[in-house]
PDB file of N, CA and C in Angstrom:
ATOM      1  N   MET A   1      -3.584   5.181   4.636  1.00  0.00           N
ATOM      2  CA  MET A   1      -2.365   4.835   3.942  1.00  0.00           C
ATOM      3  C   MET A   1      -1.467   4.082   4.917  1.00  0.00           C
ATOM      4  N   PRO A   2      -0.937   2.927   4.491  1.00  0.00           N
ATOM      5  CA  PRO A   2      -0.049   2.176   5.377  1.00  0.00           C
ATOM      6  C   PRO A   2       1.237   2.946   5.657  1.00  0.00           C
ATOM      7  N   GLN A   3       1.735   2.746   6.858  1.00  0.00           N
ATOM      8  CA  GLN A   3       3.000   3.382   7.229  1.00  0.00           C
ATOM      9  C   GLN A   3       4.150   2.581   6.634  1.00  0.00           C
ATOM     10  N   ARG A   4       5.068   3.266   5.975  1.00  0.00           N
ATOM     11  CA  ARG A   4       6.263   2.627   5.450  1.00  0.00           C
ATOM     12  C   ARG A   4       7.446   3.144   6.233  1.00  0.00           C
ATOM     13  N   GLY A   5       8.469   2.361   6.277  1.00  0.00           N
ATOM     14  CA  GLY A   5       9.637   2.744   7.049  1.00  0.00           C
ATOM     15  C   GLY A   5       9.731   1.886   8.287  1.00  0.00           C
ATOM     16  N   SER A   6      10.471   2.349   9.254  1.00  0.00           N
ATOM     17  CA  SER A   6      10.701   1.534  10.438  1.00  0.00           C
ATOM     18  C   SER A   6      10.057   2.149  11.669  1.00  0.00           C
ATOM     19  N   ARG A   7       9.829   1.271  12.639  1.00  0.00           N
ATOM     20  CA  ARG A   7       9.342   1.669  13.957  1.00  0.00           C
ATOM     21  C   ARG A   7      10.232   0.981  14.983  1.00  0.00           C
ATOM     22  N   ASP A   8      10.185   1.424  16.208  1.00  0.00           N
ATOM     23  CA  ASP A   8      11.071   0.853  17.216  1.00  0.00           C
ATOM     24  C   ASP A   8      10.367  -0.082  18.195  1.00  0.00           C
ATOM     25  N   CYS A   9       9.193  -0.573  17.830  1.00  0.00           N
ATOM     26  CA  CYS A   9       8.442  -1.429  18.744  1.00  0.00           C
ATOM     27  C   CYS A   9       9.004  -2.848  18.831  1.00  0.00           C
ATOM     28  N   CYS A  10       9.602  -3.340  17.739  1.00  0.00           N
ATOM     29  CA  CYS A  10      10.110  -4.710  17.718  1.00  0.00           C
ATOM     30  C   CYS A  10      11.008  -4.903  16.496  1.00  0.00           C
ATOM     31  N   TRP A  11      11.662  -6.063  16.434  1.00  0.00           N
ATOM     32  CA  TRP A  11      12.551  -6.330  15.301  1.00  0.00           C
ATOM     33  C   TRP A  11      11.766  -6.342  13.989  1.00  0.00           C
ATOM     34  N   TYR A  12      10.631  -7.013  13.960  1.00  0.00           N
ATOM     35  CA  TYR A  12       9.853  -7.173  12.733  1.00  0.00           C
ATOM     36  C   TYR A  12       9.523  -5.829  12.090  1.00  0.00           C
ATOM     37  N   HIS A  13       9.194  -4.853  12.886  1.00  0.00           N
ATOM     38  CA  HIS A  13       8.846  -3.528  12.369  1.00  0.00           C
ATOM     39  C   HIS A  13      10.042  -2.584  12.324  1.00  0.00           C
ATOM     40  N   GLY A  14      11.245  -3.117  12.476  1.00  0.00           N
ATOM     41  CA  GLY A  14      12.452  -2.301  12.527  1.00  0.00           C
ATOM     42  C   GLY A  14      12.951  -1.804  11.188  1.00  0.00           C
ATOM     43  N   GLY A  15      12.286  -2.163  10.116  1.00  0.00           N
ATOM     44  CA  GLY A  15      12.713  -1.731   8.789  1.00  0.00           C
ATOM     45  C   GLY A  15      11.554  -1.741   7.813  1.00  0.00           C
ATOM     46  N   ASP A  16      11.845  -1.455   6.583  1.00  0.00           N
ATOM     47  CA  ASP A  16      10.828  -1.337   5.537  1.00  0.00           C
ATOM     48  C   ASP A  16      10.732  -2.647   4.756  1.00  0.00           C
ATOM     49  N   TRP A  17       9.679  -3.405   5.007  1.00  0.00           N
ATOM     50  CA  TRP A  17       9.492  -4.683   4.321  1.00  0.00           C
ATOM     51  C   TRP A  17       9.220  -4.499   2.828  1.00  0.00           C
ATOM     52  N   HIS A  18       8.728  -3.344   2.413  1.00  0.00           N
ATOM     53  CA  HIS A  18       8.534  -3.097   0.979  1.00  0.00           C
ATOM     54  C   HIS A  18       9.880  -3.137   0.255  1.00  0.00           C
ATOM     55  N   GLN A  19      10.894  -2.537   0.852  1.00  0.00           N
ATOM     56  CA  GLN A  19      12.233  -2.567   0.255  1.00  0.00           C
ATOM     57  C   GLN A  19      12.789  -3.984   0.249  1.00  0.00           C
ATOM     58  N   VAL A  20      12.578  -4.705   1.340  1.00  0.00           N
ATOM     59  CA  VAL A  20      13.075  -6.079   1.432  1.00  0.00           C
ATOM     60  C   VAL A  20      12.383  -6.962   0.396  1.00  0.00           C
ATOM     61  N   ASN A  21      11.090  -6.809   0.233  1.00  0.00           N
ATOM     62  CA  ASN A  21      10.368  -7.610  -0.759  1.00  0.00           C
ATOM     63  C   ASN A  21      10.837  -7.303  -2.176  1.00  0.00           C
ATOM     64  N   ARG A  22      11.089  -6.045  -2.455  1.00  0.00           N
ATOM     65  CA  ARG A  22      11.597  -5.662  -3.771  1.00  0.00           C
ATOM     66  C   ARG A  22      12.974  -6.301  -4.009  1.00  0.00           C
ATOM     67  N   LEU A  23      13.820  -6.260  -2.990  1.00  0.00           N
ATOM     68  CA  LEU A  23      15.141  -6.869  -3.083  1.00  0.00           C
ATOM     69  C   LEU A  23      15.029  -8.389  -3.216  1.00  0.00           C
ATOM     70  N   ALA A  24      14.072  -8.997  -2.528  1.00  0.00           N
ATOM     71  CA  ALA A  24      13.870 -10.445  -2.611  1.00  0.00           C
ATOM     72  C   ALA A  24      13.497 -10.867  -4.029  1.00  0.00           C
ATOM     73  N   ILE A  25      12.627 -10.117  -4.663  1.00  0.00           N
ATOM     74  CA  ILE A  25      12.217 -10.430  -6.036  1.00  0.00           C
ATOM     75  C   ILE A  25      13.405 -10.315  -6.981  1.00  0.00           C
ATOM     76  N   GLU A  26      14.195  -9.254  -6.816  1.00  0.00           N
ATOM     77  CA  GLU A  26      15.386  -9.072  -7.658  1.00  0.00           C
ATOM     78  C   GLU A  26      16.388 -10.201  -7.435  1.00  0.00           C
ATOM     79  N   ALA A  27      16.639 -10.537  -6.170  1.00  0.00           N
ATOM     80  CA  ALA A  27      17.624 -11.571  -5.841  1.00  0.00           C
ATOM     81  C   ALA A  27      17.172 -12.936  -6.346  1.00  0.00           C
ATOM     82  N   LEU A  28      15.897 -13.244  -6.201  1.00  0.00           N
ATOM     83  CA  LEU A  28      15.380 -14.525  -6.684  1.00  0.00           C
ATOM     84  C   LEU A  28      15.529 -14.631  -8.194  1.00  0.00           C
ATOM     85  N   ALA A  29      15.193 -13.578  -8.906  1.00  0.00           N
ATOM     86  CA  ALA A  29      15.336 -13.584 -10.366  1.00  0.00           C
ATOM     87  C   ALA A  29      16.798 -13.766 -10.763  1.00  0.00           C
ATOM     88  N   ALA A  30      17.699 -13.075 -10.074  1.00  0.00           N
ATOM     89  CA  ALA A  30      19.128 -13.198 -10.379  1.00  0.00           C
ATOM     90  C   ALA A  30      19.625 -14.602 -10.063  1.00  0.00           C
ATOM     91  N   GLY A  31      19.180 -15.160  -8.956  1.00  0.00           N
ATOM     92  CA  GLY A  31      19.587 -16.509  -8.582  1.00  0.00           C
ATOM     93  C   GLY A  31      19.079 -17.556  -9.553  1.00  0.00           C
ATOM     94  N   GLU A  32      17.835 -17.433  -9.957  1.00  0.00           N
ATOM     95  CA  GLU A  32      17.281 -18.373 -10.934  1.00  0.00           C
ATOM     96  C   GLU A  32      18.018 -18.262 -12.260  1.00  0.00           C
ATOM     97  N   ALA A  33      18.313 -17.044 -12.688  1.00  0.00           N
ATOM     98  CA  ALA A  33      19.040 -16.838 -13.948  1.00  0.00           C
ATOM     99  C   ALA A  33      20.442 -17.433 -13.883  1.00  0.00           C
ATOM    100  N   ALA A  34      21.032 -17.436 -12.682  1.00  0.00           N
ATOM    101  CA  ALA A  34      22.380 -17.975 -12.499  1.00  0.00           C
ATOM    102  C   ALA A  34      22.368 -19.478 -12.227  1.00  0.00           C
ATOM    103  N   GLY A  35      21.180 -20.081 -12.140  1.00  0.00           N
ATOM    104  CA  GLY A  35      21.078 -21.515 -11.913  1.00  0.00           C
ATOM    105  C   GLY A  35      21.326 -21.937 -10.472  1.00  0.00           C
ATOM    106  N   VAL A  36      21.086 -21.046  -9.522  1.00  0.00           N
ATOM    107  CA  VAL A  36      21.307 -21.355  -8.107  1.00  0.00           C
ATOM    108  C   VAL A  36      20.207 -22.303  -7.624  1.00  0.00           C
ATOM    109  N   SER A  37      20.594 -23.368  -6.916  1.00  0.00           N
ATOM    110  CA  SER A  37      19.621 -24.330  -6.397  1.00  0.00           C
ATOM    111  C   SER A  37      18.886 -23.744  -5.193  1.00  0.00           C
ATOM    112  N   ALA A  38      17.758 -24.339  -4.857  1.00  0.00           N
ATOM    113  CA  ALA A  38      16.979 -23.880  -3.704  1.00  0.00           C
ATOM    114  C   ALA A  38      17.807 -23.961  -2.426  1.00  0.00           C
ATOM    115  N   GLU A  39      18.615 -25.007  -2.307  1.00  0.00           N
ATOM    116  CA  GLU A  39      19.441 -25.195  -1.117  1.00  0.00           C
ATOM    117  C   GLU A  39      20.511 -24.114  -0.977  1.00  0.00           C
ATOM    118  N   ASP A  40      20.938 -23.548  -2.083  1.00  0.00           N
ATOM    119  CA  ASP A  40      22.001 -22.541  -2.069  1.00  0.00           C
ATOM    120  C   ASP A  40      21.482 -21.107  -2.181  1.00  0.00           C
ATOM    121  N   MET A  41      20.166 -20.954  -2.316  1.00  0.00           N
ATOM    122  CA  MET A  41      19.610 -19.623  -2.566  1.00  0.00           C
ATOM    123  C   MET A  41      19.825 -18.671  -1.390  1.00  0.00           C
ATOM    124  N   ALA A  42      19.705 -19.142  -0.143  1.00  0.00           N
ATOM    125  CA  ALA A  42      19.879 -18.246   1.007  1.00  0.00           C
ATOM    126  C   ALA A  42      21.270 -17.623   1.004  1.00  0.00           C
ATOM    127  N   GLY A  43      22.287 -18.418   0.738  1.00  0.00           N
ATOM    128  CA  GLY A  43      23.649 -17.882   0.671  1.00  0.00           C
ATOM    129  C   GLY A  43      23.822 -16.916  -0.479  1.00  0.00           C
ATOM    130  N   PHE A  44      23.243 -17.256  -1.624  1.00  0.00           N
ATOM    131  CA  PHE A  44      23.307 -16.367  -2.785  1.00  0.00           C
ATOM    132  C   PHE A  44      22.649 -15.026  -2.467  1.00  0.00           C
ATOM    133  N   VAL A  45      21.490 -15.090  -1.832  1.00  0.00           N
ATOM    134  CA  VAL A  45      20.738 -13.879  -1.508  1.00  0.00           C
ATOM    135  C   VAL A  45      21.501 -13.016  -0.504  1.00  0.00           C
ATOM    136  N   ASP A  46      22.166 -13.656   0.470  1.00  0.00           N
ATOM    137  CA  ASP A  46      22.977 -12.889   1.424  1.00  0.00           C
ATOM    138  C   ASP A  46      24.043 -12.086   0.690  1.00  0.00           C
ATOM    139  N   ASP A  47      24.748 -12.745  -0.223  1.00  0.00           N
ATOM    140  CA  ASP A  47      25.789 -12.058  -0.997  1.00  0.00           C
ATOM    141  C   ASP A  47      25.188 -10.965  -1.879  1.00  0.00           C
ATOM    142  N   TYR A  48      24.051 -11.263  -2.499  1.00  0.00           N
ATOM    143  CA  TYR A  48      23.378 -10.298  -3.370  1.00  0.00           C
ATOM    144  C   TYR A  48      23.005  -9.040  -2.579  1.00  0.00           C
ATOM    145  N   ALA A  49      22.475  -9.237  -1.383  1.00  0.00           N
ATOM    146  CA  ALA A  49      22.054  -8.105  -0.556  1.00  0.00           C
ATOM    147  C   ALA A  49      23.240  -7.234  -0.155  1.00  0.00           C
ATOM    148  N   LYS A  50      24.347  -7.860   0.194  1.00  0.00           N
ATOM    149  CA  LYS A  50      25.549  -7.095   0.552  1.00  0.00           C
ATOM    150  C   LYS A  50      26.011  -6.256  -0.626  1.00  0.00           C
ATOM    151  N   GLU A  51      26.049  -6.872  -1.810  1.00  0.00           N
ATOM    152  CA  GLU A  51      26.479  -6.153  -3.011  1.00  0.00           C
ATOM    153  C   GLU A  51      25.515  -5.021  -3.367  1.00  0.00           C
ATOM    154  N   ALA A  52      24.239  -5.194  -3.031  1.00  0.00           N
ATOM    155  CA  ALA A  52      23.229  -4.174  -3.327  1.00  0.00           C
ATOM    156  C   ALA A  52      23.245  -3.039  -2.304  1.00  0.00           C
ATOM    157  N   GLY A  53      24.040  -3.187  -1.242  1.00  0.00           N
ATOM    158  CA  GLY A  53      24.132  -2.139  -0.235  1.00  0.00           C
ATOM    159  C   GLY A  53      23.054  -2.186   0.831  1.00  0.00           C
ATOM    160  N   ALA A  54      22.419  -3.352   0.998  1.00  0.00           N
ATOM    161  CA  ALA A  54      21.380  -3.482   2.020  1.00  0.00           C
ATOM    162  C   ALA A  54      21.992  -3.322   3.410  1.00  0.00           C
ATOM    163  N   ASP A  55      21.241  -2.700   4.304  1.00  0.00           N
ATOM    164  CA  ASP A  55      21.736  -2.540   5.673  1.00  0.00           C
ATOM    165  C   ASP A  55      21.551  -3.846   6.456  1.00  0.00           C
ATOM    166  N   ARG A  56      22.022  -3.849   7.693  1.00  0.00           N
ATOM    167  CA  ARG A  56      22.012  -5.074   8.501  1.00  0.00           C
ATOM    168  C   ARG A  56      20.598  -5.618   8.689  1.00  0.00           C
ATOM    169  N   TRP A  57      19.637  -4.754   9.021  1.00  0.00           N
ATOM    170  CA  TRP A  57      18.266  -5.210   9.219  1.00  0.00           C
ATOM    171  C   TRP A  57      17.693  -5.788   7.922  1.00  0.00           C
ATOM    172  N   GLN A  58      17.921  -5.109   6.803  1.00  0.00           N
ATOM    173  CA  GLN A  58      17.408  -5.591   5.520  1.00  0.00           C
ATOM    174  C   GLN A  58      17.989  -6.959   5.177  1.00  0.00           C
ATOM    175  N   ARG A  59      19.283  -7.157   5.436  1.00  0.00           N
ATOM    176  CA  ARG A  59      19.904  -8.453   5.148  1.00  0.00           C
ATOM    177  C   ARG A  59      19.315  -9.547   6.027  1.00  0.00           C
ATOM    178  N   ALA A  60      19.091  -9.252   7.304  1.00  0.00           N
ATOM    179  CA  ALA A  60      18.500 -10.239   8.206  1.00  0.00           C
ATOM    180  C   ALA A  60      17.066 -10.561   7.791  1.00  0.00           C
ATOM    181  N   ALA A  61      16.302  -9.542   7.440  1.00  0.00           N
ATOM    182  CA  ALA A  61      14.920  -9.752   7.008  1.00  0.00           C
ATOM    183  C   ALA A  61      14.878 -10.560   5.718  1.00  0.00           C
ATOM    184  N   LEU A  62      15.753 -10.226   4.795  1.00  0.00           N
ATOM    185  CA  LEU A  62      15.812 -10.947   3.528  1.00  0.00           C
ATOM    186  C   LEU A  62      16.199 -12.402   3.758  1.00  0.00           C
ATOM    187  N   HIS A  63      17.163 -12.623   4.635  1.00  0.00           N
ATOM    188  CA  HIS A  63      17.578 -13.993   4.950  1.00  0.00           C
ATOM    189  C   HIS A  63      16.401 -14.783   5.526  1.00  0.00           C
ATOM    190  N   SER A  64      15.563 -14.146   6.340  1.00  0.00           N
ATOM    191  CA  SER A  64      14.426 -14.845   6.935  1.00  0.00           C
ATOM    192  C   SER A  64      13.422 -15.303   5.882  1.00  0.00           C
ATOM    193  N   VAL A  65      13.379 -14.627   4.756  1.00  0.00           N
ATOM    194  CA  VAL A  65      12.470 -15.012   3.671  1.00  0.00           C
ATOM    195  C   VAL A  65      12.994 -16.235   2.922  1.00  0.00           C
ATOM    196  N   PHE A  66      14.318 -16.355   2.796  1.00  0.00           N
ATOM    197  CA  PHE A  66      14.916 -17.415   1.985  1.00  0.00           C
ATOM    198  C   PHE A  66      15.487 -18.574   2.784  1.00  0.00           C
ATOM    199  N   PHE A  67      15.592 -18.462   4.099  1.00  0.00           N
ATOM    200  CA  PHE A  67      16.129 -19.531   4.927  1.00  0.00           C
ATOM    201  C   PHE A  67      15.180 -20.722   4.823  1.00  0.00           C
ATOM    202  N   LEU A  68      15.671 -21.869   4.355  1.00  0.00           N
ATOM    203  CA  LEU A  68      14.801 -22.990   3.982  1.00  0.00           C
ATOM    204  C   LEU A  68      13.779 -23.424   5.034  1.00  0.00           C
ATOM    205  N   PRO A  69      14.114 -23.535   6.314  1.00  0.00           N
ATOM    206  CA  PRO A  69      13.064 -23.949   7.255  1.00  0.00           C
ATOM    207  C   PRO A  69      11.882 -22.979   7.330  1.00  0.00           C
ATOM    208  N   PHE A  70      12.110 -21.718   6.947  1.00  0.00           N
ATOM    209  CA  PHE A  70      11.047 -20.716   7.028  1.00  0.00           C
ATOM    210  C   PHE A  70      10.666 -20.140   5.672  1.00  0.00           C
ATOM    211  N   ALA A  71      11.298 -20.590   4.607  1.00  0.00           N
ATOM    212  CA  ALA A  71      11.116 -19.985   3.281  1.00  0.00           C
ATOM    213  C   ALA A  71       9.649 -19.969   2.877  1.00  0.00           C
ATOM    214  N   ILE A  72       9.292 -18.881   2.232  1.00  0.00           N
ATOM    215  CA  ILE A  72       7.912 -18.713   1.768  1.00  0.00           C
ATOM    216  C   ILE A  72       7.764 -19.374   0.409  1.00  0.00           C
TER     217      ILE A  72
END
């Protein structure tokens, strides 16, 4: 069974990516429904994460998914 949660070995493993991915899917759906452009999605997602109560690591991880030079 994969380990969920955080570890202290590095930044990447410092939080639960399952939670971040779930939040990313929700934020993307909300952004698309609101008509947010791809260029503005990272900012929208940052605000969405704050409103959802995401912690600092989760917000940084989420931003890394939507930041255009690195966006998936």
